[in-house]
Structures are given as C-alpha cells and as structure tokens.
Amino acid sequence: MAFGQGVSGAKTVKAPAPPPPLVKIGDKLEPGTYSMVMDATWYGLPPVRDGWVYYRIGRDVFRVDYLTLEVLENVTAQAGRNWP
C-alpha cells in the first residue's frame, strides 16, 4: 500500500487496484474448470431456460450457454443475500 500526505497533512492510504476479472462476457469456459450452480432458485436467481445455465466463477455467478460454454452475463447482482 502506498502512503502519502493528504491536504490536511493527515496520512492517506491508497487501496490497491482490484484484480482483473477471471472471465469476460463472450469468453468460452474450459470444460471442468468452474462449478455449475445446481439450485439457482435457492440463491434467488431465475430458473435456467433456453439453453443456458449458471456457473460460479470466483465470487461471482455468470449465465453461460450450456452447449458452447460462452459467458453471456454476470448476474451476481441478481443473486440473493445467501449467495456465497
């Protein structure tokens, strides 16, 4: 962490930059790399449909095409408070 003098003379702390995301929208997942979410409704997510499923990737949950494993959308904000 970097320390410096603020305007008032108080020391300030700069937070480190957040880590880059593990995946981006449009990326294709490697089979077996991440965990599929099996009970989406338990986590407050809409039921899966139309050929897509949910995957846990890091601390986030993504909507992913079941056949191609293409990342479609980050839906972490839609998950309930009980999402890990």
PDB file of N, CA and C in Angstrom:
ATOM      1  N   MET A   1       0.839  -1.177   0.000  1.00  0.00           N
ATOM      2  CA  MET A   1       0.000   0.000   0.000  1.00  0.00           C
ATOM      3  C   MET A   1       0.882   1.238   0.000  1.00  0.00           C
ATOM      4  N   ALA A   2       0.406   2.249  -0.668  1.00  0.00           N
ATOM      5  CA  ALA A   2       1.155   3.495  -0.740  1.00  0.00           C
ATOM      6  C   ALA A   2       0.621   4.475   0.292  1.00  0.00           C
ATOM      7  N   PHE A   3       1.524   5.143   0.973  1.00  0.00           N
ATOM      8  CA  PHE A   3       1.140   6.140   1.967  1.00  0.00           C
ATOM      9  C   PHE A   3       1.579   7.507   1.466  1.00  0.00           C
ATOM     10  N   GLY A   4       0.814   8.514   1.797  1.00  0.00           N
ATOM     11  CA  GLY A   4       1.184   9.866   1.395  1.00  0.00           C
ATOM     12  C   GLY A   4       0.566  10.881   2.325  1.00  0.00           C
ATOM     13  N   GLN A   5       0.876  12.142   2.103  1.00  0.00           N
ATOM     14  CA  GLN A   5       0.324  13.221   2.909  1.00  0.00           C
ATOM     15  C   GLN A   5      -0.919  13.760   2.215  1.00  0.00           C
ATOM     16  N   GLY A   6      -2.020  13.839   2.931  1.00  0.00           N
ATOM     17  CA  GLY A   6      -3.243  14.434   2.405  1.00  0.00           C
ATOM     18  C   GLY A   6      -3.153  15.949   2.473  1.00  0.00           C
ATOM     19  N   VAL A   7      -4.179  16.622   2.017  1.00  0.00           N
ATOM     20  CA  VAL A   7      -4.212  18.084   2.024  1.00  0.00           C
ATOM     21  C   VAL A   7      -4.101  18.618   3.441  1.00  0.00           C
ATOM     22  N   SER A   8      -4.739  17.969   4.388  1.00  0.00           N
ATOM     23  CA  SER A   8      -4.718  18.449   5.772  1.00  0.00           C
ATOM     24  C   SER A   8      -3.465  18.003   6.514  1.00  0.00           C
ATOM     25  N   GLY A   9      -2.600  17.308   5.849  1.00  0.00           N
ATOM     26  CA  GLY A   9      -1.405  16.803   6.499  1.00  0.00           C
ATOM     27  C   GLY A   9      -1.578  15.400   7.046  1.00  0.00           C
ATOM     28  N   ALA A  10      -2.816  14.905   7.030  1.00  0.00           N
ATOM     29  CA  ALA A  10      -3.066  13.545   7.507  1.00  0.00           C
ATOM     30  C   ALA A  10      -2.586  12.549   6.458  1.00  0.00           C
ATOM     31  N   LYS A  11      -2.122  11.426   6.933  1.00  0.00           N
ATOM     32  CA  LYS A  11      -1.673  10.397   6.005  1.00  0.00           C
ATOM     33  C   LYS A  11      -2.877   9.739   5.337  1.00  0.00           C
ATOM     34  N   THR A  12      -2.735   9.452   4.070  1.00  0.00           N
ATOM     35  CA  THR A  12      -3.792   8.762   3.323  1.00  0.00           C
ATOM     36  C   THR A  12      -3.268   7.416   2.856  1.00  0.00           C
ATOM     37  N   VAL A  13      -4.176   6.503   2.668  1.00  0.00           N
ATOM     38  CA  VAL A  13      -3.818   5.168   2.197  1.00  0.00           C
ATOM     39  C   VAL A  13      -4.527   4.935   0.872  1.00  0.00           C
ATOM     40  N   LYS A  14      -3.777   4.533  -0.135  1.00  0.00           N
ATOM     41  CA  LYS A  14      -4.371   4.216  -1.427  1.00  0.00           C
ATOM     42  C   LYS A  14      -4.603   2.714  -1.494  1.00  0.00           C
ATOM     43  N   ALA A  15      -5.823   2.352  -1.795  1.00  0.00           N
ATOM     44  CA  ALA A  15      -6.159   0.930  -1.914  1.00  0.00           C
ATOM     45  C   ALA A  15      -5.568   0.380  -3.205  1.00  0.00           C
ATOM     46  N   PRO A  16      -5.155  -0.867  -3.187  1.00  0.00           N
ATOM     47  CA  PRO A  16      -4.638  -1.462  -4.418  1.00  0.00           C
ATOM     48  C   PRO A  16      -5.752  -1.595  -5.448  1.00  0.00           C
ATOM     49  N   ALA A  17      -5.378  -1.614  -6.695  1.00  0.00           N
ATOM     50  CA  ALA A  17      -6.356  -1.776  -7.775  1.00  0.00           C
ATOM     51  C   ALA A  17      -7.016  -3.149  -7.655  1.00  0.00           C
ATOM     52  N   PRO A  18      -8.302  -3.242  -7.990  1.00  0.00           N
ATOM     53  CA  PRO A  18      -8.957  -4.548  -7.916  1.00  0.00           C
ATOM     54  C   PRO A  18      -8.341  -5.513  -8.918  1.00  0.00           C
ATOM     55  N   PRO A  19      -8.373  -6.800  -8.612  1.00  0.00           N
ATOM     56  CA  PRO A  19      -7.801  -7.767  -9.547  1.00  0.00           C
ATOM     57  C   PRO A  19      -8.632  -7.813 -10.824  1.00  0.00           C
ATOM     58  N   PRO A  20      -8.019  -8.179 -11.935  1.00  0.00           N
ATOM     59  CA  PRO A  20      -8.784  -8.282 -13.180  1.00  0.00           C
ATOM     60  C   PRO A  20      -9.821  -9.401 -13.062  1.00  0.00           C
ATOM     61  N   PRO A  21     -10.934  -9.297 -13.777  1.00  0.00           N
ATOM     62  CA  PRO A  21     -11.947 -10.351 -13.700  1.00  0.00           C
ATOM     63  C   PRO A  21     -11.405 -11.674 -14.237  1.00  0.00           C
ATOM     64  N   LEU A  22     -11.912 -12.775 -13.689  1.00  0.00           N
ATOM     65  CA  LEU A  22     -11.470 -14.096 -14.137  1.00  0.00           C
ATOM     66  C   LEU A  22     -11.946 -14.400 -15.546  1.00  0.00           C
ATOM     67  N   VAL A  23     -13.142 -13.915 -15.897  1.00  0.00           N
ATOM     68  CA  VAL A  23     -13.685 -14.103 -17.248  1.00  0.00           C
ATOM     69  C   VAL A  23     -14.375 -12.820 -17.686  1.00  0.00           C
ATOM     70  N   LYS A  24     -14.538 -12.676 -18.998  1.00  0.00           N
ATOM     71  CA  LYS A  24     -15.258 -11.547 -19.567  1.00  0.00           C
ATOM     72  C   LYS A  24     -16.442 -12.091 -20.365  1.00  0.00           C
ATOM     73  N   ILE A  25     -17.434 -11.240 -20.584  1.00  0.00           N
ATOM     74  CA  ILE A  25     -18.569 -11.616 -21.408  1.00  0.00           C
ATOM     75  C   ILE A  25     -18.037 -11.991 -22.792  1.00  0.00           C
ATOM     76  N   GLY A  26     -18.484 -13.126 -23.306  1.00  0.00           N
ATOM     77  CA  GLY A  26     -18.024 -13.607 -24.606  1.00  0.00           C
ATOM     78  C   GLY A  26     -16.926 -14.656 -24.516  1.00  0.00           C
ATOM     79  N   ASP A  27     -16.254 -14.754 -23.360  1.00  0.00           N
ATOM     80  CA  ASP A  27     -15.232 -15.794 -23.184  1.00  0.00           C
ATOM     81  C   ASP A  27     -15.879 -17.172 -23.232  1.00  0.00           C
ATOM     82  N   LYS A  28     -15.105 -18.168 -23.645  1.00  0.00           N
ATOM     83  CA  LYS A  28     -15.552 -19.565 -23.612  1.00  0.00           C
ATOM     84  C   LYS A  28     -14.832 -20.248 -22.453  1.00  0.00           C
ATOM     85  N   LEU A  29     -15.605 -20.914 -21.597  1.00  0.00           N
ATOM     86  CA  LEU A  29     -15.031 -21.604 -20.444  1.00  0.00           C
ATOM     87  C   LEU A  29     -14.423 -22.931 -20.867  1.00  0.00           C
ATOM     88  N   GLU A  30     -13.360 -23.314 -20.187  1.00  0.00           N
ATOM     89  CA  GLU A  30     -12.781 -24.643 -20.369  1.00  0.00           C
ATOM     90  C   GLU A  30     -13.640 -25.637 -19.601  1.00  0.00           C
ATOM     91  N   PRO A  31     -14.051 -26.733 -20.222  1.00  0.00           N
ATOM     92  CA  PRO A  31     -14.877 -27.719 -19.505  1.00  0.00           C
ATOM     93  C   PRO A  31     -14.185 -28.202 -18.231  1.00  0.00           C
ATOM     94  N   GLY A  32     -14.945 -28.274 -17.143  1.00  0.00           N
ATOM     95  CA  GLY A  32     -14.428 -28.777 -15.876  1.00  0.00           C
ATOM     96  C   GLY A  32     -13.664 -27.774 -15.041  1.00  0.00           C
ATOM     97  N   THR A  33     -13.549 -26.537 -15.499  1.00  0.00           N
ATOM     98  CA  THR A  33     -12.772 -25.539 -14.774  1.00  0.00           C
ATOM     99  C   THR A  33     -13.561 -24.885 -13.646  1.00  0.00           C
ATOM    100  N   TYR A  34     -14.847 -24.641 -13.860  1.00  0.00           N
ATOM    101  CA  TYR A  34     -15.684 -23.938 -12.888  1.00  0.00           C
ATOM    102  C   TYR A  34     -16.887 -24.793 -12.519  1.00  0.00           C
ATOM    103  N   SER A  35     -17.580 -24.413 -11.446  1.00  0.00           N
ATOM    104  CA  SER A  35     -18.715 -25.190 -10.937  1.00  0.00           C
ATOM    105  C   SER A  35     -20.039 -24.641 -11.446  1.00  0.00           C
ATOM    106  N   MET A  36     -20.888 -25.552 -11.928  1.00  0.00           N
ATOM    107  CA  MET A  36     -22.232 -25.176 -12.334  1.00  0.00           C
ATOM    108  C   MET A  36     -23.097 -25.030 -11.083  1.00  0.00           C
ATOM    109  N   VAL A  37     -23.928 -23.997 -11.034  1.00  0.00           N
ATOM    110  CA  VAL A  37     -24.852 -23.784  -9.919  1.00  0.00           C
ATOM    111  C   VAL A  37     -26.071 -24.657 -10.171  1.00  0.00           C
ATOM    112  N   MET A  38     -26.348 -25.577  -9.245  1.00  0.00           N
ATOM    113  CA  MET A  38     -27.405 -26.558  -9.467  1.00  0.00           C
ATOM    114  C   MET A  38     -28.784 -26.100  -8.986  1.00  0.00           C
ATOM    115  N   ASP A  39     -28.888 -25.275  -7.978  1.00  0.00           N
ATOM    116  CA  ASP A  39     -30.185 -24.858  -7.446  1.00  0.00           C
ATOM    117  C   ASP A  39     -30.272 -23.338  -7.485  1.00  0.00           C
ATOM    118  N   ALA A  40     -30.464 -22.809  -8.681  1.00  0.00           N
ATOM    119  CA  ALA A  40     -30.455 -21.360  -8.879  1.00  0.00           C
ATOM    120  C   ALA A  40     -31.515 -20.652  -8.052  1.00  0.00           C
ATOM    121  N   THR A  41     -32.696 -21.245  -7.928  1.00  0.00           N
ATOM    122  CA  THR A  41     -33.770 -20.570  -7.198  1.00  0.00           C
ATOM    123  C   THR A  41     -33.428 -20.413  -5.715  1.00  0.00           C
ATOM    124  N   TRP A  42     -32.647 -21.312  -5.161  1.00  0.00           N
ATOM    125  CA  TRP A  42     -32.206 -21.195  -3.762  1.00  0.00           C
ATOM    126  C   TRP A  42     -31.418 -19.903  -3.557  1.00  0.00           C
ATOM    127  N   TYR A  43     -30.673 -19.501  -4.572  1.00  0.00           N
ATOM    128  CA  TYR A  43     -29.862 -18.287  -4.493  1.00  0.00           C
ATOM    129  C   TYR A  43     -30.600 -17.054  -5.015  1.00  0.00           C
ATOM    130  N   GLY A  44     -31.899 -17.180  -5.264  1.00  0.00           N
ATOM    131  CA  GLY A  44     -32.690 -16.034  -5.702  1.00  0.00           C
ATOM    132  C   GLY A  44     -32.578 -15.717  -7.176  1.00  0.00           C
ATOM    133  N   LEU A  45     -32.027 -16.637  -7.950  1.00  0.00           N
ATOM    134  CA  LEU A  45     -31.874 -16.420  -9.387  1.00  0.00           C
ATOM    135  C   LEU A  45     -33.060 -17.020 -10.143  1.00  0.00           C
ATOM    136  N   PRO A  46     -33.412 -16.451 -11.293  1.00  0.00           N
ATOM    137  CA  PRO A  46     -34.481 -17.041 -12.095  1.00  0.00           C
ATOM    138  C   PRO A  46     -34.098 -18.458 -12.530  1.00  0.00           C
ATOM    139  N   PRO A  47     -35.089 -19.325 -12.756  1.00  0.00           N
ATOM    140  CA  PRO A  47     -34.779 -20.681 -13.224  1.00  0.00           C
ATOM    141  C   PRO A  47     -34.053 -20.638 -14.572  1.00  0.00           C
ATOM    142  N   VAL A  48     -33.209 -21.622 -14.800  1.00  0.00           N
ATOM    143  CA  VAL A  48     -32.499 -21.699 -16.085  1.00  0.00           C
ATOM    144  C   VAL A  48     -33.502 -22.037 -17.185  1.00  0.00           C
ATOM    145  N   ARG A  49     -33.192 -21.583 -18.414  1.00  0.00           N
ATOM    146  CA  ARG A  49     -34.059 -21.859 -19.562  1.00  0.00           C
ATOM    147  C   ARG A  49     -33.315 -21.513 -20.840  1.00  0.00           C
ATOM    148  N   ASP A  50     -33.894 -21.869 -21.948  1.00  0.00           N
ATOM    149  CA  ASP A  50     -33.382 -21.502 -23.274  1.00  0.00           C
ATOM    150  C   ASP A  50     -31.927 -21.902 -23.508  1.00  0.00           C
ATOM    151  N   GLY A  51     -31.467 -22.978 -22.887  1.00  0.00           N
ATOM    152  CA  GLY A  51     -30.131 -23.487 -23.182  1.00  0.00           C
ATOM    153  C   GLY A  51     -28.988 -22.835 -22.426  1.00  0.00           C
ATOM    154  N   TRP A  52     -29.274 -22.069 -21.396  1.00  0.00           N
ATOM    155  CA  TRP A  52     -28.187 -21.513 -20.596  1.00  0.00           C
ATOM    156  C   TRP A  52     -28.320 -21.973 -19.154  1.00  0.00           C
ATOM    157  N   VAL A  53     -27.197 -21.909 -18.433  1.00  0.00           N
ATOM    158  CA  VAL A  53     -27.120 -22.327 -17.033  1.00  0.00           C
ATOM    159  C   VAL A  53     -26.290 -21.289 -16.278  1.00  0.00           C
ATOM    160  N   TYR A  54     -26.188 -21.474 -14.966  1.00  0.00           N
ATOM    161  CA  TYR A  54     -25.371 -20.586 -14.141  1.00  0.00           C
ATOM    162  C   TYR A  54     -24.077 -21.291 -13.747  1.00  0.00           C
ATOM    163  N   TYR A  55     -22.985 -20.524 -13.722  1.00  0.00           N
ATOM    164  CA  TYR A  55     -21.696 -21.021 -13.251  1.00  0.00           C
ATOM    165  C   TYR A  55     -21.160 -20.082 -12.183  1.00  0.00           C
ATOM    166  N   ARG A  56     -20.553 -20.683 -11.160  1.00  0.00           N
ATOM    167  CA  ARG A  56     -19.826 -19.900 -10.160  1.00  0.00           C
ATOM    168  C   ARG A  56     -18.396 -19.746 -10.659  1.00  0.00           C
ATOM    169  N   ILE A  57     -17.959 -18.490 -10.762  1.00  0.00           N
ATOM    170  CA  ILE A  57     -16.608 -18.193 -11.220  1.00  0.00           C
ATOM    171  C   ILE A  57     -16.027 -17.195 -10.230  1.00  0.00           C
ATOM    172  N   GLY A  58     -15.120 -17.668  -9.396  1.00  0.00           N
ATOM    173  CA  GLY A  58     -14.614 -16.832  -8.309  1.00  0.00           C
ATOM    174  C   GLY A  58     -15.742 -16.580  -7.325  1.00  0.00           C
ATOM    175  N   ARG A  59     -15.975 -15.318  -6.986  1.00  0.00           N
ATOM    176  CA  ARG A  59     -17.064 -14.959  -6.065  1.00  0.00           C
ATOM    177  C   ARG A  59     -18.329 -14.554  -6.812  1.00  0.00           C
ATOM    178  N   ASP A  60     -18.318 -14.666  -8.128  1.00  0.00           N
ATOM    179  CA  ASP A  60     -19.434 -14.216  -8.952  1.00  0.00           C
ATOM    180  C   ASP A  60     -20.194 -15.386  -9.558  1.00  0.00           C
ATOM    181  N   VAL A  61     -21.394 -15.079 -10.056  1.00  0.00           N
ATOM    182  CA  VAL A  61     -22.202 -16.070 -10.765  1.00  0.00           C
ATOM    183  C   VAL A  61     -22.506 -15.501 -12.151  1.00  0.00           C
ATOM    184  N   PHE A  62     -22.325 -16.356 -13.154  1.00  0.00           N
ATOM    185  CA  PHE A  62     -22.499 -15.948 -14.542  1.00  0.00           C
ATOM    186  C   PHE A  62     -23.521 -16.838 -15.229  1.00  0.00           C
ATOM    187  N   ARG A  63     -24.240 -16.250 -16.173  1.00  0.00           N
ATOM    188  CA  ARG A  63     -25.121 -17.008 -17.056  1.00  0.00           C
ATOM    189  C   ARG A  63     -24.253 -17.459 -18.228  1.00  0.00           C
ATOM    190  N   VAL A  64     -24.279 -18.776 -18.527  1.00  0.00           N
ATOM    191  CA  VAL A  64     -23.383 -19.377 -19.513  1.00  0.00           C
ATOM    192  C   VAL A  64     -24.190 -20.280 -20.439  1.00  0.00           C
ATOM    193  N   ASP A  65     -23.893 -20.234 -21.741  1.00  0.00           N
ATOM    194  CA  ASP A  65     -24.540 -21.133 -22.694  1.00  0.00           C
ATOM    195  C   ASP A  65     -24.122 -22.566 -22.381  1.00  0.00           C
ATOM    196  N   TYR A  66     -25.104 -23.457 -22.250  1.00  0.00           N
ATOM    197  CA  TYR A  66     -24.837 -24.834 -21.828  1.00  0.00           C
ATOM    198  C   TYR A  66     -23.995 -25.609 -22.838  1.00  0.00           C
ATOM    199  N   LEU A  67     -24.235 -25.413 -24.124  1.00  0.00           N
ATOM    200  CA  LEU A  67     -23.523 -26.196 -25.135  1.00  0.00           C
ATOM    201  C   LEU A  67     -22.158 -25.622 -25.486  1.00  0.00           C
ATOM    202  N   THR A  68     -22.075 -24.313 -25.666  1.00  0.00           N
ATOM    203  CA  THR A  68     -20.812 -23.712 -26.103  1.00  0.00           C
ATOM    204  C   THR A  68     -19.934 -23.252 -24.946  1.00  0.00           C
ATOM    205  N   LEU A  69     -20.515 -23.141 -23.742  1.00  0.00           N
ATOM    206  CA  LEU A  69     -19.836 -22.618 -22.549  1.00  0.00           C
ATOM    207  C   LEU A  69     -19.389 -21.168 -22.724  1.00  0.00           C
ATOM    208  N   GLU A  70     -20.095 -20.420 -23.567  1.00  0.00           N
ATOM    209  CA  GLU A  70     -19.818 -18.997 -23.734  1.00  0.00           C
ATOM    210  C   GLU A  70     -20.440 -18.222 -22.577  1.00  0.00           C
ATOM    211  N   VAL A  71     -19.656 -17.321 -21.984  1.00  0.00           N
ATOM    212  CA  VAL A  71     -20.139 -16.481 -20.889  1.00  0.00           C
ATOM    213  C   VAL A  71     -21.062 -15.416 -21.478  1.00  0.00           C
ATOM    214  N   LEU A  72     -22.320 -15.392 -20.979  1.00  0.00           N
ATOM    215  CA  LEU A  72     -23.330 -14.492 -21.524  1.00  0.00           C
ATOM    216  C   LEU A  72     -23.549 -13.239 -20.685  1.00  0.00           C
ATOM    217  N   GLU A  73     -23.493 -13.384 -19.350  1.00  0.00           N
ATOM    218  CA  GLU A  73     -23.844 -12.252 -18.495  1.00  0.00           C
ATOM    219  C   GLU A  73     -23.383 -12.507 -17.060  1.00  0.00           C
ATOM    220  N   ASN A  74     -22.936 -11.454 -16.391  1.00  0.00           N
ATOM    221  CA  ASN A  74     -22.649 -11.526 -14.961  1.00  0.00           C
ATOM    222  C   ASN A  74     -23.949 -11.208 -14.231  1.00  0.00           C
ATOM    223  N   VAL A  75     -24.459 -12.161 -13.452  1.00  0.00           N
ATOM    224  CA  VAL A  75     -25.743 -11.986 -12.771  1.00  0.00           C
ATOM    225  C   VAL A  75     -25.585 -11.978 -11.246  1.00  0.00           C
ATOM    226  N   THR A  76     -24.397 -11.712 -10.763  1.00  0.00           N
ATOM    227  CA  THR A  76     -24.152 -11.708  -9.322  1.00  0.00           C
ATOM    228  C   THR A  76     -25.091 -10.747  -8.602  1.00  0.00           C
ATOM    229  N   ALA A  77     -25.348  -9.588  -9.188  1.00  0.00           N
ATOM    230  CA  ALA A  77     -26.214  -8.593  -8.553  1.00  0.00           C
ATOM    231  C   ALA A  77     -27.654  -9.081  -8.423  1.00  0.00           C
ATOM    232  N   GLN A  78     -28.053 -10.068  -9.222  1.00  0.00           N
ATOM    233  CA  GLN A  78     -29.411 -10.609  -9.162  1.00  0.00           C
ATOM    234  C   GLN A  78     -29.557 -11.693  -8.098  1.00  0.00           C
ATOM    235  N   ALA A  79     -28.440 -12.193  -7.596  1.00  0.00           N
ATOM    236  CA  ALA A  79     -28.483 -13.277  -6.611  1.00  0.00           C
ATOM    237  C   ALA A  79     -28.961 -12.751  -5.263  1.00  0.00           C
ATOM    238  N   GLY A  80     -29.531 -13.644  -4.474  1.00  0.00           N
ATOM    239  CA  GLY A  80     -29.996 -13.282  -3.141  1.00  0.00           C
ATOM    240  C   GLY A  80     -28.843 -13.072  -2.179  1.00  0.00           C
ATOM    241  N   ARG A  81     -29.185 -12.652  -0.974  1.00  0.00           N
ATOM    242  CA  ARG A  81     -28.160 -12.386   0.043  1.00  0.00           C
ATOM    243  C   ARG A  81     -27.436 -13.646   0.477  1.00  0.00           C
ATOM    244  N   ASN A  82     -28.017 -14.810   0.231  1.00  0.00           N
ATOM    245  CA  ASN A  82     -27.361 -16.052   0.640  1.00  0.00           C
ATOM    246  C   ASN A  82     -26.350 -16.549  -0.388  1.00  0.00           C
ATOM    247  N   TRP A  83     -26.099 -15.781  -1.453  1.00  0.00           N
ATOM    248  CA  TRP A  83     -25.047 -16.176  -2.392  1.00  0.00           C
ATOM    249  C   TRP A  83     -23.712 -16.072  -1.671  1.00  0.00           C
ATOM    250  N   PRO A  84     -22.893 -17.119  -1.791  1.00  0.00           N
ATOM    251  CA  PRO A  84     -21.612 -17.125  -1.053  1.00  0.00           C
ATOM    252  C   PRO A  84     -20.707 -15.956  -1.353  1.00  0.00           C
TER     253      PRO A  84
END
